[in-house]
């Protein structure tokens, strides 16, 4: 899987889920056309461990100069990647990589290799780092240390040590339905020592024809634009798999992109939270779009004379 970043505005977020590449780019003078593969690593930190390889591809017709560096991170309350201060026990301090700076010819690739070398005995559980791969332009030949960042992509690294415990709890599922906006809100807690995440599908049924949560099945091809949905199913898609980090609780918001006419519906969930089944039907009503009231304008007739 590769991701291109092209003419992207300043943004920084966790695409997931973490099975996605994160991007942070400043407005470029020229387009940034870089792909990375894979977008995420999950590494068991046993012994020295073997080295890993990131493939960086330049899709452009011009060479690009890149540099790499590593940072520590967590997730914000909005489930967006947030850099935090490094410590001697954080994974970013244990990652060694090469090369740190390189040029990729047009329509060519470069491998960046890294390995995890803990400086102390890692605590049991999950450790996290992010490897940024950044395109740069030297300010001048005289001062090659001064650079301008055009854009960057990022690869998330999870390192696991010892006994891994993923303990997730789905506290509630609610549907916030408005005339032109429907979204499902999943309240999830993670109390183990590694992240938890949902997997599976959702479907939206007309309430009058809903057969019950225990009867419904996953729909092949859910999330595809050309899928033929079963009768009485008006929409179907994939559950949001944003991770909930250990020791945190998050409300994950999943927008329903299909516009639903006013009426009664059931949000049916067929999935799991780290192996624990989620098999629920949540009723909701899309209200009619009431037009804004128009103020009455009085006609004032002046007195005769």
C-alpha atoms as a PDB file:
ATOM      1  CA  UNK A   1       0.000   0.000   0.000  1.00  0.00           C
ATOM      2  CA  UNK A   2       1.351   3.388  -0.933  1.00  0.00           C
ATOM      3  CA  UNK A   3       0.104   6.862  -0.246  1.00  0.00           C
ATOM      4  CA  UNK A   4       0.814   9.934  -2.344  1.00  0.00           C
ATOM      5  CA  UNK A   5       0.840  13.381  -0.849  1.00  0.00           C
ATOM      6  CA  UNK A   6       0.331  16.085  -3.453  1.00  0.00           C
ATOM      7  CA  UNK A   7      -0.303  19.795  -2.959  1.00  0.00           C
ATOM      8  CA  UNK A   8      -1.506  19.224   0.579  1.00  0.00           C
ATOM      9  CA  UNK A   9      -2.230  22.009   3.059  1.00  0.00           C
ATOM     10  CA  UNK A  10      -0.790  22.014   6.574  1.00  0.00           C
ATOM     11  CA  UNK A  11      -2.273  19.095   8.504  1.00  0.00           C
ATOM     12  CA  UNK A  12      -1.262  16.463  11.022  1.00  0.00           C
ATOM     13  CA  UNK A  13      -3.490  13.575  11.910  1.00  0.00           C
ATOM     14  CA  UNK A  14      -3.478   9.815  12.632  1.00  0.00           C
ATOM     15  CA  UNK A  15      -5.216   8.117   9.363  1.00  0.00           C
ATOM     16  CA  UNK A  16      -5.218   5.022  11.570  1.00  0.00           C
ATOM     17  CA  UNK A  17      -6.044   4.319  11.769  1.00  0.00           C
ATOM     18  CA  UNK A  18      -3.338   3.328  12.258  1.00  0.00           C
ATOM     19  CA  UNK A  19      -2.945   1.391   9.238  1.00  0.00           C
ATOM     20  CA  UNK A  20      -2.548   4.638   7.377  1.00  0.00           C
ATOM     21  CA  UNK A  21       0.275   7.113   6.641  1.00  0.00           C
ATOM     22  CA  UNK A  22       0.123  10.417   8.494  1.00  0.00           C
ATOM     23  CA  UNK A  23       0.967  13.643   6.670  1.00  0.00           C
ATOM     24  CA  UNK A  24       2.226  17.045   7.669  1.00  0.00           C
ATOM     25  CA  UNK A  25       3.209  19.368   4.860  1.00  0.00           C
ATOM     26  CA  UNK A  26       3.656  23.062   4.434  1.00  0.00           C
ATOM     27  CA  UNK A  27       2.314  24.789   1.311  1.00  0.00           C
ATOM     28  CA  UNK A  28       4.770  23.657  -1.376  1.00  0.00           C
ATOM     29  CA  UNK A  29       6.342  25.690  -4.137  1.00  0.00           C
ATOM     30  CA  UNK A  30       6.096  22.524  -6.217  1.00  0.00           C
ATOM     31  CA  UNK A  31       4.075  19.358  -5.769  1.00  0.00           C
ATOM     32  CA  UNK A  32       5.301  16.722  -3.334  1.00  0.00           C
ATOM     33  CA  UNK A  33       4.825  13.309  -4.912  1.00  0.00           C
ATOM     34  CA  UNK A  34       6.199  10.778  -2.459  1.00  0.00           C
ATOM     35  CA  UNK A  35       4.928   7.346  -1.481  1.00  0.00           C
ATOM     36  CA  UNK A  36       5.955   5.209   1.508  1.00  0.00           C
ATOM     37  CA  UNK A  37       5.420   1.512   2.109  1.00  0.00           C
ATOM     38  CA  UNK A  38       4.481   0.066   4.525  1.00  0.00           C
ATOM     39  CA  UNK A  39       2.698   2.861   6.421  1.00  0.00           C
ATOM     40  CA  UNK A  40       2.967   1.163   9.834  1.00  0.00           C
ATOM     41  CA  UNK A  41       5.205  -1.280  11.695  1.00  0.00           C
ATOM     42  CA  UNK A  42       4.435  -3.560  14.626  1.00  0.00           C
ATOM     43  CA  UNK A  43       7.702  -4.964  15.958  1.00  0.00           C
ATOM     44  CA  UNK A  44       8.293  -7.489  18.725  1.00  0.00           C
ATOM     45  CA  UNK A  45      11.267  -6.223  20.767  1.00  0.00           C
ATOM     46  CA  UNK A  46      12.949  -9.536  21.550  1.00  0.00           C
ATOM     47  CA  UNK A  47      16.733  -9.701  21.656  1.00  0.00           C
ATOM     48  CA  UNK A  48      18.449  -7.546  19.054  1.00  0.00           C
ATOM     49  CA  UNK A  49      15.626  -7.961  16.576  1.00  0.00           C
ATOM     50  CA  UNK A  50      15.973  -7.795  12.818  1.00  0.00           C
ATOM     51  CA  UNK A  51      16.157  -4.577  10.849  1.00  0.00           C
ATOM     52  CA  UNK A  52      13.072  -3.196   9.115  1.00  0.00           C
ATOM     53  CA  UNK A  53      12.865  -1.432   5.760  1.00  0.00           C
ATOM     54  CA  UNK A  54      10.735   1.489   4.560  1.00  0.00           C
ATOM     55  CA  UNK A  55      10.442   1.928   0.795  1.00  0.00           C
ATOM     56  CA  UNK A  56      10.226   5.574  -0.270  1.00  0.00           C
ATOM     57  CA  UNK A  57       9.202   6.215  -3.880  1.00  0.00           C
ATOM     58  CA  UNK A  58       9.591   9.466  -5.809  1.00  0.00           C
ATOM     59  CA  UNK A  59       6.777   9.651  -8.382  1.00  0.00           C
ATOM     60  CA  UNK A  60       7.895  13.033  -9.719  1.00  0.00           C
ATOM     61  CA  UNK A  61       9.956  13.790 -12.813  1.00  0.00           C
ATOM     62  CA  UNK A  62      12.548  15.654 -10.726  1.00  0.00           C
ATOM     63  CA  UNK A  63      14.910  14.364  -8.018  1.00  0.00           C
ATOM     64  CA  UNK A  64      13.940  15.026  -4.394  1.00  0.00           C
ATOM     65  CA  UNK A  65      16.177  15.471  -1.388  1.00  0.00           C
ATOM     66  CA  UNK A  66      14.903  13.892   1.824  1.00  0.00           C
ATOM     67  CA  UNK A  67      15.859  13.605   5.474  1.00  0.00           C
ATOM     68  CA  UNK A  68      14.544  11.342   8.221  1.00  0.00           C
ATOM     69  CA  UNK A  69      14.139  11.748  11.977  1.00  0.00           C
ATOM     70  CA  UNK A  70      12.223  10.091  14.820  1.00  0.00           C
ATOM     71  CA  UNK A  71       9.845  11.506  17.450  1.00  0.00           C
ATOM     72  CA  UNK A  72       7.779  10.308  20.406  1.00  0.00           C
ATOM     73  CA  UNK A  73       3.981  10.629  20.174  1.00  0.00           C
ATOM     74  CA  UNK A  74       0.599  10.068  21.754  1.00  0.00           C
ATOM     75  CA  UNK A  75      -2.996  10.723  20.700  1.00  0.00           C
ATOM     76  CA  UNK A  76      -4.851  13.906  21.596  1.00  0.00           C
ATOM     77  CA  UNK A  77      -8.398  14.000  22.943  1.00  0.00           C
ATOM     78  CA  UNK A  78      -9.515  14.329  19.316  1.00  0.00           C
ATOM     79  CA  UNK A  79      -7.568  11.135  18.412  1.00  0.00           C
ATOM     80  CA  UNK A  80      -4.980  13.070  16.422  1.00  0.00           C
ATOM     81  CA  UNK A  81      -1.272  12.357  16.559  1.00  0.00           C
ATOM     82  CA  UNK A  82       0.487  14.677  18.990  1.00  0.00           C
ATOM     83  CA  UNK A  83       4.245  14.867  19.481  1.00  0.00           C
ATOM     84  CA  UNK A  84       5.414  14.635  23.098  1.00  0.00           C
ATOM     85  CA  UNK A  85       8.732  15.010  24.854  1.00  0.00           C
ATOM     86  CA  UNK A  86      11.199  12.201  24.436  1.00  0.00           C
ATOM     87  CA  UNK A  87      12.579  10.280  27.431  1.00  0.00           C
ATOM     88  CA  UNK A  88      15.357   7.740  27.840  1.00  0.00           C
ATOM     89  CA  UNK A  89      12.660   5.053  28.011  1.00  0.00           C
ATOM     90  CA  UNK A  90      10.696   6.123  24.919  1.00  0.00           C
ATOM     91  CA  UNK A  91      10.886   4.135  21.709  1.00  0.00           C
ATOM     92  CA  UNK A  92      12.193   7.034  19.618  1.00  0.00           C
ATOM     93  CA  UNK A  93      15.435   6.886  21.647  1.00  0.00           C
ATOM     94  CA  UNK A  94      15.919   3.224  20.749  1.00  0.00           C
ATOM     95  CA  UNK A  95      15.487   3.466  16.980  1.00  0.00           C
ATOM     96  CA  UNK A  96      18.604   3.592  14.822  1.00  0.00           C
ATOM     97  CA  UNK A  97      18.255   4.155  11.075  1.00  0.00           C
ATOM     98  CA  UNK A  98      20.164   4.842   7.898  1.00  0.00           C
ATOM     99  CA  UNK A  99      20.425   6.910   5.763  1.00  0.00           C
ATOM    100  CA  UNK A 100      19.502  10.118   7.570  1.00  0.00           C
ATOM    101  CA  UNK A 101      19.670  12.278   4.435  1.00  0.00           C
ATOM    102  CA  UNK A 102      19.433  11.179   0.823  1.00  0.00           C
ATOM    103  CA  UNK A 103      18.350  12.113  -2.707  1.00  0.00           C
ATOM    104  CA  UNK A 104      15.923  10.004  -4.744  1.00  0.00           C
ATOM    105  CA  UNK A 105      16.190  10.257  -8.556  1.00  0.00           C
ATOM    106  CA  UNK A 106      13.035  10.780 -10.635  1.00  0.00           C
ATOM    107  CA  UNK A 107      10.584   7.864 -10.553  1.00  0.00           C
ATOM    108  CA  UNK A 108      12.917   5.848  -8.362  1.00  0.00           C
ATOM    109  CA  UNK A 109      12.921   4.436  -4.838  1.00  0.00           C
ATOM    110  CA  UNK A 110      15.130   4.492  -1.756  1.00  0.00           C
ATOM    111  CA  UNK A 111      15.063   2.082   1.185  1.00  0.00           C
ATOM    112  CA  UNK A 112      15.427   3.463   4.688  1.00  0.00           C
ATOM    113  CA  UNK A 113      16.421   0.763   7.166  1.00  0.00           C
ATOM    114  CA  UNK A 114      15.861   0.935  10.895  1.00  0.00           C
ATOM    115  CA  UNK A 115      16.183  -1.290  13.926  1.00  0.00           C
ATOM    116  CA  UNK A 116      15.144  -1.066  17.572  1.00  0.00           C
ATOM    117  CA  UNK A 117      18.000  -1.170  20.081  1.00  0.00           C
ATOM    118  CA  UNK A 118      16.625  -0.666  23.635  1.00  0.00           C
ATOM    119  CA  UNK A 119      19.059   1.068  25.979  1.00  0.00           C
ATOM    120  CA  UNK A 120      17.235  -0.261  29.045  1.00  0.00           C
ATOM    121  CA  UNK A 121      14.962  -3.238  29.666  1.00  0.00           C
ATOM    122  CA  UNK A 122      11.613  -2.254  28.076  1.00  0.00           C
ATOM    123  CA  UNK A 123       8.539  -2.387  30.275  1.00  0.00           C
ATOM    124  CA  UNK A 124       5.887  -4.897  29.271  1.00  0.00           C
ATOM    125  CA  UNK A 125       3.440  -3.454  26.786  1.00  0.00           C
ATOM    126  CA  UNK A 126       3.319  -1.102  23.854  1.00  0.00           C
ATOM    127  CA  UNK A 127       5.942   1.514  22.956  1.00  0.00           C
ATOM    128  CA  UNK A 128       5.453   4.065  20.154  1.00  0.00           C
ATOM    129  CA  UNK A 129       7.475   6.236  17.803  1.00  0.00           C
ATOM    130  CA  UNK A 130       6.964   7.976  14.481  1.00  0.00           C
ATOM    131  CA  UNK A 131       9.560   8.169  11.705  1.00  0.00           C
ATOM    132  CA  UNK A 132       9.195  11.358   9.679  1.00  0.00           C
ATOM    133  CA  UNK A 133      10.491  11.420   6.109  1.00  0.00           C
ATOM    134  CA  UNK A 134      10.739  15.006   4.985  1.00  0.00           C
ATOM    135  CA  UNK A 135      11.425  16.638   1.625  1.00  0.00           C
ATOM    136  CA  UNK A 136      13.775  19.603   1.904  1.00  0.00           C
ATOM    137  CA  UNK A 137      15.295  22.316  -0.266  1.00  0.00           C
ATOM    138  CA  UNK A 138      18.678  23.816   0.717  1.00  0.00           C
ATOM    139  CA  UNK A 139      18.470  27.589   1.196  1.00  0.00           C
ATOM    140  CA  UNK A 140      21.819  28.127  -0.446  1.00  0.00           C
ATOM    141  CA  UNK A 141      24.884  26.249  -1.526  1.00  0.00           C
ATOM    142  CA  UNK A 142      26.932  28.335   0.894  1.00  0.00           C
ATOM    143  CA  UNK A 143      24.808  27.298   3.878  1.00  0.00           C
ATOM    144  CA  UNK A 144      23.816  23.690   3.324  1.00  0.00           C
ATOM    145  CA  UNK A 145      22.676  23.379   6.963  1.00  0.00           C
ATOM    146  CA  UNK A 146      19.838  25.830   6.355  1.00  0.00           C
ATOM    147  CA  UNK A 147      16.868  24.073   4.766  1.00  0.00           C
ATOM    148  CA  UNK A 148      13.256  24.724   3.870  1.00  0.00           C
ATOM    149  CA  UNK A 149      10.757  21.927   4.432  1.00  0.00           C
ATOM    150  CA  UNK A 150       8.441  21.288   1.495  1.00  0.00           C
ATOM    151  CA  UNK A 151       6.486  18.459   3.090  1.00  0.00           C
ATOM    152  CA  UNK A 152       6.714  15.265   5.062  1.00  0.00           C
ATOM    153  CA  UNK A 153       5.102  11.880   5.437  1.00  0.00           C
ATOM    154  CA  UNK A 154       5.247   9.736   8.538  1.00  0.00           C
ATOM    155  CA  UNK A 155       5.405   6.069   9.421  1.00  0.00           C
ATOM    156  CA  UNK A 156       4.143   4.934  12.815  1.00  0.00           C
ATOM    157  CA  UNK A 157       6.157   2.305  14.685  1.00  0.00           C
ATOM    158  CA  UNK A 158       4.764   0.152  17.504  1.00  0.00           C
ATOM    159  CA  UNK A 159       7.255  -1.823  19.574  1.00  0.00           C
ATOM    160  CA  UNK A 160       5.928  -4.581  21.843  1.00  0.00           C
ATOM    161  CA  UNK A 161       7.714  -6.077  24.845  1.00  0.00           C
ATOM    162  CA  UNK A 162       6.872  -8.831  27.304  1.00  0.00           C
ATOM    163  CA  UNK A 163       3.296  -9.762  28.150  1.00  0.00           C
ATOM    164  CA  UNK A 164       0.832  -7.794  26.003  1.00  0.00           C
ATOM    165  CA  UNK A 165      -2.635  -7.190  27.449  1.00  0.00           C
ATOM    166  CA  UNK A 166      -5.294  -5.555  25.287  1.00  0.00           C
ATOM    167  CA  UNK A 167      -8.322  -4.808  27.432  1.00  0.00           C
ATOM    168  CA  UNK A 168     -11.032  -2.786  25.700  1.00  0.00           C
ATOM    169  CA  UNK A 169     -14.514  -1.864  26.810  1.00  0.00           C
ATOM    170  CA  UNK A 170     -17.261  -0.418  24.631  1.00  0.00           C
ATOM    171  CA  UNK A 171     -19.078   1.829  27.107  1.00  0.00           C
ATOM    172  CA  UNK A 172     -21.781   3.034  24.727  1.00  0.00           C
ATOM    173  CA  UNK A 173     -22.820   3.674  21.136  1.00  0.00           C
ATOM    174  CA  UNK A 174     -24.944   6.724  20.369  1.00  0.00           C
ATOM    175  CA  UNK A 175     -26.231   8.198  17.136  1.00  0.00           C
ATOM    176  CA  UNK A 176     -26.407  11.968  16.757  1.00  0.00           C
ATOM    177  CA  UNK A 177     -28.938  12.526  13.972  1.00  0.00           C
ATOM    178  CA  UNK A 178     -29.737  15.898  12.443  1.00  0.00           C
ATOM    179  CA  UNK A 179     -31.455  16.654   9.112  1.00  0.00           C
ATOM    180  CA  UNK A 180     -28.200  16.958   7.204  1.00  0.00           C
ATOM    181  CA  UNK A 181     -25.749  15.272   9.555  1.00  0.00           C
ATOM    182  CA  UNK A 182     -25.718  11.788  11.063  1.00  0.00           C
ATOM    183  CA  UNK A 183     -22.807  10.451  13.082  1.00  0.00           C
ATOM    184  CA  UNK A 184     -22.220   7.462  15.336  1.00  0.00           C
ATOM    185  CA  UNK A 185     -20.263   8.021  18.551  1.00  0.00           C
ATOM    186  CA  UNK A 186     -18.411   5.088  20.133  1.00  0.00           C
ATOM    187  CA  UNK A 187     -17.265   5.553  23.750  1.00  0.00           C
ATOM    188  CA  UNK A 188     -14.320   3.167  24.250  1.00  0.00           C
ATOM    189  CA  UNK A 189     -11.941   2.589  27.174  1.00  0.00           C
ATOM    190  CA  UNK A 190      -8.570   0.820  27.054  1.00  0.00           C
ATOM    191  CA  UNK A 191      -7.219  -0.455  30.374  1.00  0.00           C
ATOM    192  CA  UNK A 192      -4.467  -2.870  29.304  1.00  0.00           C
ATOM    193  CA  UNK A 193      -0.907  -2.075  28.255  1.00  0.00           C
ATOM    194  CA  UNK A 194      -1.489  -1.844  24.488  1.00  0.00           C
ATOM    195  CA  UNK A 195      -3.973  -0.104  22.196  1.00  0.00           C
ATOM    196  CA  UNK A 196      -7.374  -1.505  21.280  1.00  0.00           C
ATOM    197  CA  UNK A 197      -9.401  -0.867  18.162  1.00  0.00           C
ATOM    198  CA  UNK A 198     -12.642  -1.832  16.484  1.00  0.00           C
ATOM    199  CA  UNK A 199     -12.968  -3.954  13.378  1.00  0.00           C
ATOM    200  CA  UNK A 200     -15.986  -4.860  11.319  1.00  0.00           C
ATOM    201  CA  UNK A 201     -18.929  -3.226   9.579  1.00  0.00           C
ATOM    202  CA  UNK A 202     -21.983  -1.119  10.102  1.00  0.00           C
ATOM    203  CA  UNK A 203     -25.216  -1.042   8.128  1.00  0.00           C
ATOM    204  CA  UNK A 204     -28.247   1.232   8.278  1.00  0.00           C
ATOM    205  CA  UNK A 205     -31.683  -0.368   8.050  1.00  0.00           C
ATOM    206  CA  UNK A 206     -35.151   1.061   7.744  1.00  0.00           C
ATOM    207  CA  UNK A 207     -36.475   0.547  11.261  1.00  0.00           C
ATOM    208  CA  UNK A 208     -39.768  -1.048  10.170  1.00  0.00           C
ATOM    209  CA  UNK A 209     -37.898  -3.840   8.361  1.00  0.00           C
ATOM    210  CA  UNK A 210     -35.025  -4.487  10.769  1.00  0.00           C
ATOM    211  CA  UNK A 211     -34.766  -8.247  11.525  1.00  0.00           C
ATOM    212  CA  UNK A 212     -32.771  -7.844  14.771  1.00  0.00           C
ATOM    213  CA  UNK A 213     -29.085  -7.682  15.662  1.00  0.00           C
ATOM    214  CA  UNK A 214     -28.706 -11.460  16.015  1.00  0.00           C
ATOM    215  CA  UNK A 215     -30.050 -12.056  12.511  1.00  0.00           C
ATOM    216  CA  UNK A 216     -27.986  -9.629  10.447  1.00  0.00           C
ATOM    217  CA  UNK A 217     -24.725 -10.648   8.786  1.00  0.00           C
ATOM    218  CA  UNK A 218     -21.727  -8.779   7.432  1.00  0.00           C
ATOM    219  CA  UNK A 219     -22.252  -7.515   3.898  1.00  0.00           C
ATOM    220  CA  UNK A 220     -19.681  -8.437   1.283  1.00  0.00           C
ATOM    221  CA  UNK A 221     -18.071  -5.348  -0.239  1.00  0.00           C
ATOM    222  CA  UNK A 222     -19.394  -2.934   2.404  1.00  0.00           C
ATOM    223  CA  UNK A 223     -17.877   0.489   1.912  1.00  0.00           C
ATOM    224  CA  UNK A 224     -17.562   0.132  -1.871  1.00  0.00           C
ATOM    225  CA  UNK A 225     -19.341   2.764  -3.949  1.00  0.00           C
ATOM    226  CA  UNK A 226     -20.765   0.212  -6.409  1.00  0.00           C
ATOM    227  CA  UNK A 227     -22.048  -2.353  -3.897  1.00  0.00           C
ATOM    228  CA  UNK A 228     -25.574  -3.695  -4.305  1.00  0.00           C
ATOM    229  CA  UNK A 229     -27.145  -3.489  -0.852  1.00  0.00           C
ATOM    230  CA  UNK A 230     -29.678  -6.000   0.482  1.00  0.00           C
ATOM    231  CA  UNK A 231     -33.335  -4.985   0.595  1.00  0.00           C
ATOM    232  CA  UNK A 232     -34.169  -2.466   3.348  1.00  0.00           C
ATOM    233  CA  UNK A 233     -30.477  -1.623   3.905  1.00  0.00           C
ATOM    234  CA  UNK A 234     -29.861   1.994   2.902  1.00  0.00           C
ATOM    235  CA  UNK A 235     -26.134   2.212   3.652  1.00  0.00           C
ATOM    236  CA  UNK A 236     -23.191   0.066   4.760  1.00  0.00           C
ATOM    237  CA  UNK A 237     -19.547   0.684   5.528  1.00  0.00           C
ATOM    238  CA  UNK A 238     -16.461  -0.177   7.564  1.00  0.00           C
ATOM    239  CA  UNK A 239     -16.133   0.664  11.263  1.00  0.00           C
ATOM    240  CA  UNK A 240     -13.605   3.343  12.181  1.00  0.00           C
ATOM    241  CA  UNK A 241     -10.476   1.578  13.462  1.00  0.00           C
ATOM    242  CA  UNK A 242      -8.741   4.481  15.192  1.00  0.00           C
ATOM    243  CA  UNK A 243      -6.695   3.072  18.101  1.00  0.00           C
ATOM    244  CA  UNK A 244      -7.547   3.834  21.715  1.00  0.00           C
ATOM    245  CA  UNK A 245      -4.240   3.910  23.579  1.00  0.00           C
ATOM    246  CA  UNK A 246      -3.691   2.051  26.839  1.00  0.00           C
ATOM    247  CA  UNK A 247      -4.953   3.884  29.904  1.00  0.00           C
ATOM    248  CA  UNK A 248      -7.242   6.220  27.948  1.00  0.00           C
ATOM    249  CA  UNK A 249     -10.895   6.593  27.008  1.00  0.00           C
ATOM    250  CA  UNK A 250     -12.005   8.124  23.744  1.00  0.00           C
ATOM    251  CA  UNK A 251     -15.208   9.003  21.962  1.00  0.00           C
ATOM    252  CA  UNK A 252     -14.632   8.004  18.356  1.00  0.00           C
ATOM    253  CA  UNK A 253     -16.900   9.850  15.947  1.00  0.00           C
ATOM    254  CA  UNK A 254     -17.865   8.079  12.726  1.00  0.00           C
ATOM    255  CA  UNK A 255     -19.754  10.300  10.248  1.00  0.00           C
ATOM    256  CA  UNK A 256     -22.387   8.643   8.054  1.00  0.00           C
ATOM    257  CA  UNK A 257     -21.694  10.171   4.666  1.00  0.00           C
ATOM    258  CA  UNK A 258     -24.896   9.004   2.955  1.00  0.00           C
ATOM    259  CA  UNK A 259     -27.682  11.577   3.138  1.00  0.00           C
ATOM    260  CA  UNK A 260     -30.680   9.958   4.830  1.00  0.00           C
ATOM    261  CA  UNK A 261     -34.222  11.277   4.303  1.00  0.00           C
ATOM    262  CA  UNK A 262     -36.312  11.920   7.423  1.00  0.00           C
ATOM    263  CA  UNK A 263     -37.464   8.725   9.098  1.00  0.00           C
ATOM    264  CA  UNK A 264     -36.702   5.964  11.586  1.00  0.00           C
ATOM    265  CA  UNK A 265     -33.597   3.818  11.182  1.00  0.00           C
ATOM    266  CA  UNK A 266     -31.420   1.246  12.937  1.00  0.00           C
ATOM    267  CA  UNK A 267     -27.625   1.432  12.985  1.00  0.00           C
ATOM    268  CA  UNK A 268     -26.584  -2.234  12.970  1.00  0.00           C
ATOM    269  CA  UNK A 269     -23.061  -3.126  14.121  1.00  0.00           C
ATOM    270  CA  UNK A 270     -21.349  -6.408  13.183  1.00  0.00           C
ATOM    271  CA  UNK A 271     -17.799  -6.225  14.481  1.00  0.00           C
ATOM    272  CA  UNK A 272     -15.502  -6.672  17.440  1.00  0.00           C
ATOM    273  CA  UNK A 273     -13.290  -4.739  19.840  1.00  0.00           C
ATOM    274  CA  UNK A 274     -10.051  -6.711  20.047  1.00  0.00           C
ATOM    275  CA  UNK A 275     -11.847 -10.030  19.882  1.00  0.00           C
ATOM    276  CA  UNK A 276     -14.933  -9.099  21.899  1.00  0.00           C
ATOM    277  CA  UNK A 277     -17.974  -9.207  19.624  1.00  0.00           C
ATOM    278  CA  UNK A 278     -20.029  -6.079  18.968  1.00  0.00           C
ATOM    279  CA  UNK A 279     -23.463  -7.162  17.776  1.00  0.00           C
ATOM    280  CA  UNK A 280     -25.900  -4.341  18.365  1.00  0.00           C
ATOM    281  CA  UNK A 281     -28.728  -2.398  16.780  1.00  0.00           C
ATOM    282  CA  UNK A 282     -29.103   1.273  17.746  1.00  0.00           C
ATOM    283  CA  UNK A 283     -32.373   3.002  16.778  1.00  0.00           C
ATOM    284  CA  UNK A 284     -32.324   6.621  15.667  1.00  0.00           C
ATOM    285  CA  UNK A 285     -34.553   9.122  13.913  1.00  0.00           C
ATOM    286  CA  UNK A 286     -33.554  11.618  11.251  1.00  0.00           C
ATOM    287  CA  UNK A 287     -35.791  14.659  11.800  1.00  0.00           C
ATOM    288  CA  UNK A 288     -37.344  16.691   9.050  1.00  0.00           C
ATOM    289  CA  UNK A 289     -35.517  19.820   8.073  1.00  0.00           C
ATOM    290  CA  UNK A 290     -37.802  22.496   9.479  1.00  0.00           C
ATOM    291  CA  UNK A 291     -37.447  25.727   7.508  1.00  0.00           C
ATOM    292  CA  UNK A 292     -36.392  28.749   9.494  1.00  0.00           C
ATOM    293  CA  UNK A 293     -39.288  30.932  10.471  1.00  0.00           C
ATOM    294  CA  UNK A 294     -39.757  34.007   8.307  1.00  0.00           C
ATOM    295  CA  UNK A 295     -40.501  37.197  10.253  1.00  0.00           C
ATOM    296  CA  UNK A 296     -43.892  38.761   9.474  1.00  0.00           C
ATOM    297  CA  UNK A 297     -43.563  42.219   8.015  1.00  0.00           C
ATOM    298  CA  UNK A 298     -46.444  44.554   8.888  1.00  0.00           C
ATOM    299  CA  UNK A 299     -47.762  46.997   6.391  1.00  0.00           C
ATOM    300  CA  UNK A 300     -48.182  50.337   8.089  1.00  0.00           C
ATOM    301  CA  UNK A 301     -50.713  52.682   6.399  1.00  0.00           C
ATOM    302  CA  UNK A 302     -50.178  56.311   7.317  1.00  0.00           C
ATOM    303  CA  UNK A 303     -53.280  58.260   8.394  1.00  0.00           C
ATOM    304  CA  UNK A 304     -55.144  60.242   5.769  1.00  0.00           C
ATOM    305  CA  UNK A 305     -54.281  63.902   5.411  1.00  0.00           C
END
